[in-house]
């Protein structure tokens, strides 16, 4: 090495002098020649099988056949010519390093380049600040228009994400400016010039290599683009078909309107997966070890987490294609009651009457009994029931008539099919009466039941019938029976006797 540049590699030992000693002696000799003959030129001469390298008249060192690495394809003449070119350049830079005028000129150029670099950094900083302020104002303005609330704007992470993206872009611009400035600075001085040339050659080599790879990959990239375009066409075609099925413009056997939307997503995913499999061999770098390593890593991650995820996905498919639930249905899953707002691959979301959003895993839905109040609401209606217990001394016909009266006064209860009253149990101390009513809106089940209960209380109070559940303590003095004359106490009437009760007695 001389003047921070590699000159030649010594491998042979000459007259007991090791290659390291030969190199040290050559450096000392070149230093003396630089001091005495700065205008000397490097030449070569033949000495037997060796080649002598001269600076001016004196010989500096010799290159022996044993110094040549024949396994690497080197020859004595080739190594000699390359050595002359390297030594001449290093010799000239060593002479330049000893000239104050040249160093002063290089220092002034470096100073000017540094001032330009500082100005560019200042411009980047000002541009970053101005862009950040404008971006922040624009983002908050649009978020306020969308959300109509400052609290949501402050809680949103969108401005922070945009600021981080802007910081990253500014850092990349600074690096792009710094690299050529550092290269220019190092190339001004003889000793650091090899480092600057290495930076420049590395950048040029990387650029040329990337450009060559892009050109070599153009046919494969065009194939990938063609695969993407064709897949996109088929995805749009399938989306159009399933959208028509969903809105009942087209009828396809086996595909129902409520399953068209999830089927569309599944078909789109399968098409893109097929496109990825077909395009994989054409992706640039797909055969590299790094690409294969990333693929294996992703495969391991998917394998480790696939058991639970696949369980949820398969449960979601079961829910979807069994048509147990649909978006907008009013359901009860376990103890949770509300409207289905979202059916996903992994979970579903229910909005309760208290405006709560509850997320339930698909596997839990499959393993739990589900009541769908909306499934037959439009065609047959949804029936709900409520019960009262009345003592045996109250005429059952009167109780049934009062329950029917309360049902007729309640809004939201269908007239067809009409309400039905059943004596569901003859218990030890009282009779249990259950009224079944059909609702217009299943989602209004709770307020309708509230109104029905209120009307039951009003009707029983209006006709002086106590809603009590008596308990037995002792035998009464007289029989607690309903005389036949009171079988049709108001508001009951013989004409109001339901057909299924006709055989129980005779009208008085």
Protein backbone atom coordinates (compact mmCIF):
# COMPACT_ATOMS: atom_id res chain seq x y z
CA UNK A 1 0.00 0.00 0.00
CA UNK A 2 1.22 3.49 -0.81
CA UNK A 3 -0.66 6.80 -0.39
CA UNK A 4 -3.66 4.78 0.80
CA UNK A 5 -3.77 2.85 -2.50
CA UNK A 6 -3.01 -0.85 -3.13
CA UNK A 7 -0.04 -1.25 -5.48
CA UNK A 8 0.92 -4.93 -5.73
CA UNK A 9 0.86 -8.14 -3.67
CA UNK A 10 4.23 -9.69 -2.70
CA UNK A 11 4.17 -13.42 -2.09
CA UNK A 12 7.81 -14.48 -2.56
CA UNK A 13 10.69 -14.32 -0.09
CA UNK A 14 13.86 -12.89 -1.71
CA UNK A 15 17.31 -13.39 -0.11
CA UNK A 16 15.73 -13.99 3.27
CA UNK A 17 13.50 -10.91 3.06
CA UNK A 18 9.83 -11.68 3.69
CA UNK A 19 7.06 -10.12 1.56
CA UNK A 20 6.26 -7.69 4.42
CA UNK A 21 9.90 -6.55 4.58
CA UNK A 22 9.99 -6.10 0.80
CA UNK A 23 6.83 -3.96 0.95
CA UNK A 24 8.20 -1.79 3.79
CA UNK A 25 11.47 -1.22 1.96
CA UNK A 26 9.60 -0.24 -1.22
CA UNK A 27 7.53 2.36 0.68
CA UNK A 28 10.67 3.96 2.16
CA UNK A 29 12.34 4.11 -1.23
CA UNK A 30 9.28 5.68 -2.88
CA UNK A 31 9.15 8.35 -0.14
CA UNK A 32 12.75 9.34 -0.93
CA UNK A 33 12.01 9.52 -4.65
CA UNK A 34 8.94 11.73 -4.00
CA UNK A 35 11.17 14.16 -2.12
CA UNK A 36 13.97 14.19 -4.66
CA UNK A 37 12.27 13.61 -8.04
CA UNK A 38 8.60 14.66 -7.94
CA UNK A 39 8.38 14.69 -11.74
CA UNK A 40 9.64 11.11 -12.21
CA UNK A 41 7.63 8.55 -14.18
CA UNK A 42 7.13 4.89 -13.39
CA UNK A 43 8.63 2.40 -15.83
CA UNK A 44 9.47 -1.31 -15.90
CA UNK A 45 12.53 -3.30 -16.92
CA UNK A 46 13.32 -6.98 -17.39
CA UNK A 47 15.81 -8.64 -15.04
CA UNK A 48 15.95 -12.32 -15.88
CA UNK A 49 12.57 -13.88 -15.06
CA UNK A 50 11.61 -10.90 -12.90
CA UNK A 51 10.28 -7.46 -13.78
CA UNK A 52 11.79 -4.43 -12.08
CA UNK A 53 9.57 -1.43 -11.35
CA UNK A 54 11.45 1.89 -11.64
CA UNK A 55 10.59 5.47 -10.72
CA UNK A 56 12.85 7.51 -12.91
CA UNK A 57 16.22 5.80 -13.10
CA UNK A 58 16.39 3.79 -9.87
CA UNK A 59 14.53 0.48 -9.45
CA UNK A 60 12.07 0.51 -6.55
CA UNK A 61 11.17 -3.18 -6.33
CA UNK A 62 10.92 -6.29 -8.44
CA UNK A 63 7.98 -8.52 -9.27
CA UNK A 64 8.94 -12.19 -9.30
CA UNK A 65 7.10 -15.05 -10.96
CA UNK A 66 6.38 -16.37 -7.46
CA UNK A 67 4.45 -13.15 -6.71
CA UNK A 68 1.93 -13.92 -9.45
CA UNK A 69 -1.25 -15.81 -8.49
CA UNK A 70 -1.61 -18.10 -11.47
CA UNK A 71 -4.65 -19.85 -9.96
CA UNK A 72 -6.53 -16.54 -10.19
CA UNK A 73 -5.52 -16.19 -13.86
CA UNK A 74 -2.79 -13.58 -13.30
CA UNK A 75 0.28 -13.25 -15.57
CA UNK A 76 3.58 -11.53 -14.92
CA UNK A 77 3.08 -9.00 -17.70
CA UNK A 78 -0.49 -8.24 -16.64
CA UNK A 79 0.46 -7.75 -12.97
CA UNK A 80 3.39 -5.53 -14.03
CA UNK A 81 1.23 -3.27 -16.21
CA UNK A 82 -1.42 -2.92 -13.49
CA UNK A 83 1.28 -2.20 -10.90
CA UNK A 84 2.75 0.59 -13.04
CA UNK A 85 -0.64 2.30 -13.40
CA UNK A 86 -1.41 2.07 -9.69
CA UNK A 87 2.04 3.23 -8.58
CA UNK A 88 2.04 6.20 -10.97
CA UNK A 89 -1.32 7.37 -9.58
CA UNK A 90 -0.24 6.88 -5.98
CA UNK A 91 3.10 8.64 -6.69
CA UNK A 92 1.34 11.67 -8.21
CA UNK A 93 -1.04 11.89 -5.23
CA UNK A 94 1.88 11.65 -2.80
CA UNK A 95 3.53 14.56 -4.63
CA UNK A 96 0.22 16.48 -4.54
CA UNK A 97 -0.03 15.85 -0.78
CA UNK A 98 3.25 17.71 -0.32
CA UNK A 99 2.11 20.80 -2.25
CA UNK A 100 0.40 23.40 0.01
CA UNK A 101 -1.18 25.22 -2.93
CA UNK A 102 -2.97 22.08 -4.09
CA UNK A 103 -4.14 21.32 -0.54
CA UNK A 104 -5.41 24.88 -0.09
CA UNK A 105 -7.33 24.68 -3.35
CA UNK A 106 -8.81 21.32 -2.30
CA UNK A 107 -9.74 22.77 1.10
CA UNK A 108 -11.54 25.75 -0.51
CA UNK A 109 -13.48 23.44 -2.82
CA UNK A 110 -14.42 21.25 0.14
CA UNK A 111 -15.55 24.35 2.06
CA UNK A 112 -17.71 25.51 -0.86
CA UNK A 113 -19.20 22.04 -1.19
CA UNK A 114 -19.93 22.00 2.55
CA UNK A 115 -21.69 25.40 2.34
CA UNK A 116 -23.84 24.09 -0.54
CA UNK A 117 -24.58 20.96 1.48
CA UNK A 118 -25.57 23.07 4.50
CA UNK A 119 -27.86 25.21 2.32
CA UNK A 120 -29.57 22.15 0.94
CA UNK A 121 -30.07 20.81 4.47
CA UNK A 122 -31.58 24.16 5.49
CA UNK A 123 -33.97 24.04 2.53
CA UNK A 124 -34.97 20.49 3.43
CA UNK A 125 -35.58 21.53 7.04
CA UNK A 126 -37.73 24.51 6.06
CA UNK A 127 -39.63 22.48 3.50
CA UNK A 128 -40.22 19.75 6.08
CA UNK A 129 -41.59 22.22 8.63
CA UNK A 130 -43.83 23.99 6.12
CA UNK A 131 -45.14 20.70 4.72
CA UNK A 132 -45.75 19.36 8.24
CA UNK A 133 -47.79 22.43 9.23
CA UNK A 134 -49.82 22.38 6.04
CA UNK A 135 -50.37 18.63 6.23
CA UNK A 136 -51.47 18.86 9.86
CA UNK A 137 -53.99 21.62 9.10
CA UNK A 138 -55.35 19.83 6.04
CA UNK A 139 -55.66 16.50 7.88
CA UNK A 140 -57.46 18.01 10.86
CA UNK A 141 -59.77 19.99 8.55
CA UNK A 142 -60.80 16.89 6.60
CA UNK A 143 -61.19 14.80 9.76
CA UNK A 144 -63.40 17.47 11.32
CA UNK A 145 -65.57 17.51 8.20
CA UNK A 146 -65.89 13.74 8.35
CA UNK A 147 -66.32 13.29 12.11
CA UNK A 148 -67.77 16.68 13.14
CA UNK A 149 -65.95 16.47 16.46
CA UNK A 150 -62.60 17.71 17.76
CA UNK A 151 -62.34 14.86 20.27
CA UNK A 152 -62.26 12.32 17.47
CA UNK A 153 -59.62 14.38 15.65
CA UNK A 154 -57.41 14.39 18.72
CA UNK A 155 -57.98 10.69 19.33
CA UNK A 156 -57.22 9.75 15.71
CA UNK A 157 -53.71 8.50 14.95
CA UNK A 158 -53.88 9.55 11.31
CA UNK A 159 -52.02 12.88 11.79
CA UNK A 160 -49.28 11.10 13.74
CA UNK A 161 -48.90 8.45 11.03
CA UNK A 162 -48.67 11.11 8.32
CA UNK A 163 -46.06 13.04 10.34
CA UNK A 164 -43.92 9.92 10.71
CA UNK A 165 -44.18 9.25 6.98
CA UNK A 166 -43.11 12.84 6.29
CA UNK A 167 -40.14 12.48 8.70
CA UNK A 168 -39.08 9.31 6.90
CA UNK A 169 -39.21 11.04 3.52
CA UNK A 170 -37.17 13.97 4.86
CA UNK A 171 -34.56 11.56 6.25
CA UNK A 172 -34.29 9.82 2.88
CA UNK A 173 -33.79 13.20 1.16
CA UNK A 174 -31.03 14.06 3.66
CA UNK A 175 -29.30 10.75 2.94
CA UNK A 176 -29.56 11.36 -0.81
CA UNK A 177 -27.89 14.77 -0.34
CA UNK A 178 -25.27 13.52 2.12
CA UNK A 179 -23.93 10.70 -0.06
CA UNK A 180 -22.69 12.84 -3.01
CA UNK A 181 -21.44 15.56 -0.64
CA UNK A 182 -19.34 13.03 1.27
CA UNK A 183 -18.07 11.56 -1.99
CA UNK A 184 -17.12 15.04 -3.28
CA UNK A 185 -15.40 15.92 0.01
CA UNK A 186 -13.30 12.76 0.15
CA UNK A 187 -12.19 13.07 -3.46
CA UNK A 188 -10.74 16.56 -2.91
CA UNK A 189 -7.75 15.28 -0.87
CA UNK A 190 -5.16 12.79 -2.15
CA UNK A 191 -5.12 10.51 0.90
CA UNK A 192 -8.95 10.19 1.15
CA UNK A 193 -9.49 10.13 -2.62
CA UNK A 194 -9.59 6.29 -2.78
CA UNK A 195 -12.44 6.27 -0.25
CA UNK A 196 -14.42 8.81 -2.27
CA UNK A 197 -13.81 6.84 -5.47
CA UNK A 198 -14.99 3.69 -3.67
CA UNK A 199 -18.22 5.45 -2.64
CA UNK A 200 -18.81 6.73 -6.15
CA UNK A 201 -18.00 3.42 -7.80
CA UNK A 202 -20.23 1.61 -5.30
CA UNK A 203 -23.13 3.93 -6.15
CA UNK A 204 -22.53 3.65 -9.89
CA UNK A 205 -22.09 -0.11 -9.66
CA UNK A 206 -25.25 -0.49 -7.62
CA UNK A 207 -27.19 1.69 -10.06
CA UNK A 208 -25.91 -0.15 -13.11
CA UNK A 209 -26.53 -3.50 -11.45
CA UNK A 210 -30.09 -2.51 -10.51
CA UNK A 211 -30.74 -1.19 -14.01
CA UNK A 212 -29.34 -4.36 -15.58
CA UNK A 213 -31.50 -6.49 -13.31
CA UNK A 214 -34.57 -4.44 -14.16
CA UNK A 215 -33.88 -4.84 -17.89
CA UNK A 216 -33.27 -8.57 -17.47
CA UNK A 217 -36.48 -8.90 -15.45
CA UNK A 218 -38.68 -6.94 -17.86
CA UNK A 219 -40.09 -10.05 -19.63
CA UNK A 220 -40.94 -11.67 -16.28
CA UNK A 221 -42.40 -8.42 -14.96
CA UNK A 222 -44.59 -8.10 -18.05
CA UNK A 223 -45.78 -11.66 -17.44
CA UNK A 224 -46.63 -10.79 -13.82
CA UNK A 225 -48.49 -7.67 -14.98
CA UNK A 226 -50.46 -9.77 -17.49
CA UNK A 227 -51.38 -12.27 -14.76
CA UNK A 228 -52.52 -9.43 -12.48
CA UNK A 229 -54.62 -7.83 -15.24
CA UNK A 230 -56.29 -11.14 -16.15
CA UNK A 231 -56.96 -11.97 -12.50
CA UNK A 232 -58.38 -8.50 -11.90
CA UNK A 233 -60.74 -8.99 -14.87
CA UNK A 234 -62.05 -12.31 -13.52
CA UNK A 235 -62.40 -10.87 -9.99
CA UNK A 236 -64.49 -7.98 -11.33
CA UNK A 237 -66.55 -10.40 -13.39
CA UNK A 238 -67.25 -12.58 -10.34
CA UNK A 239 -68.07 -9.48 -8.27
CA UNK A 240 -70.61 -8.40 -10.88
CA UNK A 241 -72.20 -11.88 -10.93
CA UNK A 242 -72.45 -12.19 -7.14
CA UNK A 243 -73.73 -8.63 -6.83
CA UNK A 244 -76.54 -9.54 -9.26
CA UNK A 245 -77.31 -12.66 -7.20
CA UNK A 246 -77.30 -10.63 -3.98
CA UNK A 247 -79.84 -8.15 -5.39
CA UNK A 248 -81.84 -11.03 -6.93
CA UNK A 249 -81.32 -9.89 -10.52
CA UNK A 250 -79.87 -13.33 -11.31
CA UNK A 251 -80.83 -16.70 -9.83
CA UNK A 252 -78.17 -19.41 -9.53
CA UNK A 253 -79.03 -22.74 -7.98
CA UNK A 254 -77.16 -23.36 -4.73
CA UNK A 255 -76.24 -19.69 -4.16
CA UNK A 256 -78.66 -17.64 -2.09
CA UNK A 257 -78.80 -13.83 -1.87
CA UNK A 258 -77.69 -13.84 1.77
CA UNK A 259 -74.61 -15.97 0.95
CA UNK A 260 -73.66 -14.11 -2.24
CA UNK A 261 -71.54 -11.46 -0.49
CA UNK A 262 -69.28 -13.84 1.48
CA UNK A 263 -69.04 -16.14 -1.53
CA UNK A 264 -67.85 -13.20 -3.61
CA UNK A 265 -65.06 -12.50 -1.13
CA UNK A 266 -64.03 -16.16 -0.99
CA UNK A 267 -63.90 -16.43 -4.78
CA UNK A 268 -61.84 -13.22 -4.99
CA UNK A 269 -59.35 -14.54 -2.42
CA UNK A 270 -59.06 -17.88 -4.25
CA UNK A 271 -58.50 -16.13 -7.59
CA UNK A 272 -55.74 -13.93 -6.16
CA UNK A 273 -54.11 -16.93 -4.47
CA UNK A 274 -54.14 -18.77 -7.79
CA UNK A 275 -52.61 -15.71 -9.47
CA UNK A 276 -49.89 -15.58 -6.81
CA UNK A 277 -49.05 -19.25 -7.34
CA UNK A 278 -48.86 -18.77 -11.11
CA UNK A 279 -46.86 -15.52 -10.90
CA UNK A 280 -44.45 -16.68 -8.18
CA UNK A 281 -41.78 -18.14 -10.55
CA UNK A 282 -41.77 -14.88 -12.54
CA UNK A 283 -41.19 -12.60 -9.54
CA UNK A 284 -37.67 -11.05 -9.56
CA UNK A 285 -35.55 -12.72 -6.91
CA UNK A 286 -37.98 -15.56 -6.29
CA UNK A 287 -35.16 -18.08 -6.70
CA UNK A 288 -32.82 -16.28 -4.28
CA UNK A 289 -32.04 -17.69 -0.85
CA UNK A 290 -33.35 -14.55 0.86
CA UNK A 291 -36.72 -14.85 -0.88
CA UNK A 292 -36.92 -18.52 -0.01
CA UNK A 293 -36.00 -17.78 3.61
CA UNK A 294 -38.76 -15.18 3.91
CA UNK A 295 -41.24 -17.63 2.36
CA UNK A 296 -40.26 -20.34 4.84
CA UNK A 297 -40.53 -17.88 7.74
CA UNK A 298 -44.03 -16.81 6.65
CA UNK A 299 -45.01 -20.46 6.27
CA UNK A 300 -43.83 -21.25 9.80
CA UNK A 301 -45.76 -18.29 11.25
CA UNK A 302 -48.92 -19.31 9.39
CA UNK A 303 -48.52 -22.92 10.54
CA UNK A 304 -48.10 -21.93 14.19
CA UNK A 305 -51.18 -19.70 14.23
CA UNK A 306 -53.34 -21.51 11.72
CA UNK A 307 -55.07 -23.94 14.10
CA UNK A 308 -57.05 -21.31 15.98
CA UNK A 309 -57.56 -19.12 12.92
CA UNK A 310 -58.76 -21.99 10.75
CA UNK A 311 -61.18 -23.02 13.48
CA UNK A 312 -62.72 -19.54 13.42
CA UNK A 313 -62.74 -19.41 9.59
CA UNK A 314 -64.45 -22.79 9.25
CA UNK A 315 -66.97 -21.82 11.92
CA UNK A 316 -67.64 -18.60 10.00
CA UNK A 317 -68.24 -20.59 6.82
CA UNK A 318 -70.60 -22.87 8.73
CA UNK A 319 -72.59 -19.88 9.99
CA UNK A 320 -72.70 -18.27 6.54
CA UNK A 321 -73.65 -21.27 4.43
CA UNK A 322 -76.07 -22.74 6.95
CA UNK A 323 -77.84 -19.36 6.65
CA UNK A 324 -78.35 -19.32 10.39
CA UNK A 325 -77.62 -15.58 10.57
CA UNK A 326 -77.62 -12.62 8.24
CA UNK A 327 -76.69 -8.98 8.63
CA UNK A 328 -79.64 -7.10 10.12
CA UNK A 329 -81.15 -10.11 11.89
CA UNK A 330 -82.31 -9.68 15.47
CA UNK A 331 -80.86 -12.65 17.35
CA UNK A 332 -80.09 -14.04 20.77
CA UNK A 333 -76.77 -15.88 21.14
CA UNK A 334 -76.41 -17.32 24.60
CA UNK A 335 -77.26 -14.43 26.90
CA UNK A 336 -76.52 -11.74 24.29
CA UNK A 337 -79.41 -10.23 22.37
CA UNK A 338 -79.17 -7.69 19.58
CA UNK A 339 -78.90 -6.96 15.85
CA UNK A 340 -76.19 -8.56 13.70
CA UNK A 341 -74.06 -5.78 12.21
CA UNK A 342 -71.09 -7.68 10.78
CA UNK A 343 -70.34 -11.25 9.73
CA UNK A 344 -66.61 -11.84 9.30
CA UNK A 345 -64.26 -14.74 8.73
CA UNK A 346 -63.19 -14.73 12.39
CA UNK A 347 -66.05 -13.16 14.36
CA UNK A 348 -69.39 -11.39 14.20
CA UNK A 349 -70.53 -8.14 15.79
CA UNK A 350 -73.85 -7.58 17.53
CA UNK A 351 -75.37 -4.23 18.48
CA UNK A 352 -77.52 -4.54 21.60
CA UNK A 353 -80.53 -2.48 22.65
CA UNK A 354 -78.21 -0.53 24.98
CA UNK A 355 -76.09 0.56 21.97
CA UNK A 356 -73.28 -1.83 22.89
CA UNK A 357 -71.13 -3.42 20.20
CA UNK A 358 -70.26 -6.99 21.19
CA UNK A 359 -67.81 -9.16 19.24
CA UNK A 360 -68.36 -12.92 19.40
CA UNK A 361 -65.92 -15.48 17.97
CA UNK A 362 -67.40 -17.67 15.25
CA UNK A 363 -66.42 -20.87 17.06
CA UNK A 364 -68.39 -19.71 20.11
CA UNK A 365 -71.46 -19.01 17.96
CA UNK A 366 -71.33 -22.50 16.44
CA UNK A 367 -71.06 -24.14 19.88
CA UNK A 368 -73.91 -22.05 21.38
CA UNK A 369 -77.64 -22.16 20.70
CA UNK A 370 -78.76 -19.22 18.59
CA UNK A 371 -82.28 -17.78 18.39
CA UNK A 372 -83.04 -15.83 15.21
CA UNK A 373 -86.10 -13.66 15.70
CA UNK A 374 -85.95 -12.20 12.20
CA UNK A 375 -85.83 -15.34 10.07
CA UNK A 376 -89.61 -15.81 9.71
CA UNK A 377 -90.63 -12.28 10.73
CA UNK A 378 -91.70 -11.11 7.28
CA UNK A 379 -93.53 -14.29 6.28
CA UNK A 380 -94.91 -15.81 9.48
CA UNK A 381 -94.00 -13.35 12.19
CA UNK A 382 -92.14 -13.97 15.42
CA UNK A 383 -94.10 -15.14 18.44
CA UNK A 384 -93.18 -14.18 21.97
CA UNK A 385 -94.90 -15.15 25.18
CA UNK A 386 -95.50 -13.87 28.66
CA UNK A 387 -97.21 -15.59 31.61
CA UNK A 388 -99.28 -14.79 34.68
CA UNK A 389 -100.38 -17.07 37.53
CA UNK A 390 -103.95 -16.67 38.86
CA UNK A 391 -105.73 -18.51 41.65
CA UNK A 392 -108.25 -21.28 40.95
CA UNK A 393 -111.14 -19.14 42.20
CA UNK A 394 -110.89 -16.83 39.15
CA UNK A 395 -112.80 -18.01 36.04
CA UNK A 396 -110.33 -19.18 33.42
CA UNK A 397 -112.48 -17.78 30.63
CA UNK A 398 -112.32 -14.36 32.25
CA UNK A 399 -108.52 -14.55 32.53
CA UNK A 400 -108.21 -15.56 28.87
CA UNK A 401 -110.51 -12.74 27.81
CA UNK A 402 -108.50 -10.20 29.83
CA UNK A 403 -105.23 -11.37 28.30
CA UNK A 404 -106.73 -11.16 24.79
CA UNK A 405 -108.03 -7.67 25.61
CA UNK A 406 -104.55 -6.54 26.74
CA UNK A 407 -103.02 -7.97 23.58
CA UNK A 408 -105.54 -6.14 21.37
CA UNK A 409 -104.63 -2.84 23.06
CA UNK A 410 -100.89 -3.25 22.52
CA UNK A 411 -99.36 -1.61 19.39
CA UNK A 412 -96.81 -3.67 17.47
CA UNK A 413 -98.73 -6.96 17.88
CA UNK A 414 -100.13 -8.50 14.72
CA UNK A 415 -103.80 -9.17 14.37
CA UNK A 416 -103.07 -12.06 12.00
CA UNK A 417 -102.22 -14.60 13.24
CA UNK A 418 -104.27 -13.62 16.29
CA UNK A 419 -102.94 -13.85 19.86
CA UNK A 420 -103.44 -17.18 21.62
CA UNK A 421 -103.87 -17.88 25.35
CA UNK A 422 -102.84 -21.26 26.76
CA UNK A 423 -103.26 -22.73 30.23
CA UNK A 424 -99.72 -24.05 30.36
CA UNK A 425 -99.81 -25.51 33.89
CA UNK A 426 -102.26 -26.44 36.66
CA UNK A 427 -99.97 -25.95 39.64
CA UNK A 428 -100.58 -26.72 43.29
CA UNK A 429 -102.00 -23.32 44.21
CA UNK A 430 -102.73 -21.48 40.94
CA UNK A 431 -103.10 -21.77 37.21
CA UNK A 432 -100.35 -20.57 34.86
CA UNK A 433 -101.71 -18.69 31.82
CA UNK A 434 -99.41 -17.95 28.85
CA UNK A 435 -100.29 -15.53 26.07
CA UNK A 436 -98.57 -15.93 22.68
CA UNK A 437 -98.44 -12.87 20.44
CA UNK A 438 -96.91 -12.26 17.01
CA UNK A 439 -94.72 -9.18 16.59
CA UNK A 440 -94.42 -6.88 13.59
CA UNK A 441 -90.84 -5.84 14.46
CA UNK A 442 -88.72 -8.43 16.28
CA UNK A 443 -86.20 -5.72 17.22
CA UNK A 444 -88.97 -4.04 19.27
CA UNK A 445 -89.55 -7.16 21.35
CA UNK A 446 -88.57 -5.55 24.66
CA UNK A 447 -90.68 -2.35 24.34
CA UNK A 448 -93.65 -4.33 22.97
CA UNK A 449 -93.50 -6.74 25.94
CA UNK A 450 -93.28 -3.72 28.23
CA UNK A 451 -96.46 -2.27 26.69
CA UNK A 452 -98.19 -5.69 26.84
CA UNK A 453 -97.39 -6.08 30.54
CA UNK A 454 -98.74 -2.59 31.23
CA UNK A 455 -101.96 -3.36 29.36
CA UNK A 456 -102.35 -6.68 31.24
CA UNK A 457 -102.09 -4.83 34.55
CA UNK A 458 -104.57 -2.19 33.40
CA UNK A 459 -107.09 -4.77 32.09
CA UNK A 460 -107.00 -6.90 35.25
CA UNK A 461 -107.32 -3.83 37.44
CA UNK A 462 -110.15 -2.47 35.29
CA UNK A 463 -112.26 -5.61 35.80
CA UNK A 464 -111.25 -6.15 39.43
CA UNK A 465 -109.26 -9.35 38.96
CA UNK A 466 -106.29 -9.75 41.26
CA UNK A 467 -103.02 -10.97 39.77
CA UNK A 468 -101.90 -13.09 42.68
CA UNK A 469 -100.12 -16.38 43.17
CA UNK A 470 -101.68 -17.73 46.41
CA UNK A 471 -100.04 -20.38 48.59
CA UNK A 472 -101.87 -23.16 50.50
CA UNK A 473 -102.07 -22.87 54.30
CA UNK A 474 -105.30 -24.72 55.28
CA UNK A 475 -108.59 -25.96 53.88
CA UNK A 476 -111.04 -23.07 53.38
CA UNK A 477 -114.46 -22.98 55.02
CA UNK A 478 -116.16 -23.13 51.66
CA UNK A 479 -115.14 -24.57 48.32
CA UNK A 480 -113.02 -22.31 46.12
CA UNK A 481 -114.75 -23.10 42.85
CA UNK A 482 -116.23 -20.95 40.12
CA UNK A 483 -120.00 -21.31 39.90
CA UNK A 484 -121.38 -21.95 36.45
CA UNK A 485 -123.18 -18.63 36.50
CA UNK A 486 -119.81 -16.85 36.56
CA UNK A 487 -118.06 -18.88 33.88
CA UNK A 488 -118.46 -16.05 31.41
CA UNK A 489 -117.84 -13.11 33.72
CA UNK A 490 -117.10 -9.87 31.89
CA UNK A 491 -115.43 -9.37 29.54
CA UNK A 492 -115.74 -13.05 28.60
CA UNK A 493 -118.71 -14.05 26.45
CA UNK A 494 -119.90 -17.37 25.01
CA UNK A 495 -119.10 -16.14 21.47
CA UNK A 496 -115.49 -15.45 22.50
CA UNK A 497 -114.84 -19.07 23.47
CA UNK A 498 -111.91 -20.33 21.34
CA UNK A 499 -112.55 -23.47 19.28
CA UNK A 500 -110.01 -25.46 21.28
CA UNK A 501 -111.93 -24.65 24.49
CA UNK A 502 -115.40 -25.47 23.17
CA UNK A 503 -115.57 -28.89 24.83
CA UNK A 504 -114.82 -27.69 28.33
CA UNK A 505 -118.31 -26.54 29.34
CA UNK A 506 -121.74 -25.36 28.30
CA UNK A 507 -122.72 -21.72 28.12
CA UNK A 508 -125.12 -20.70 30.85
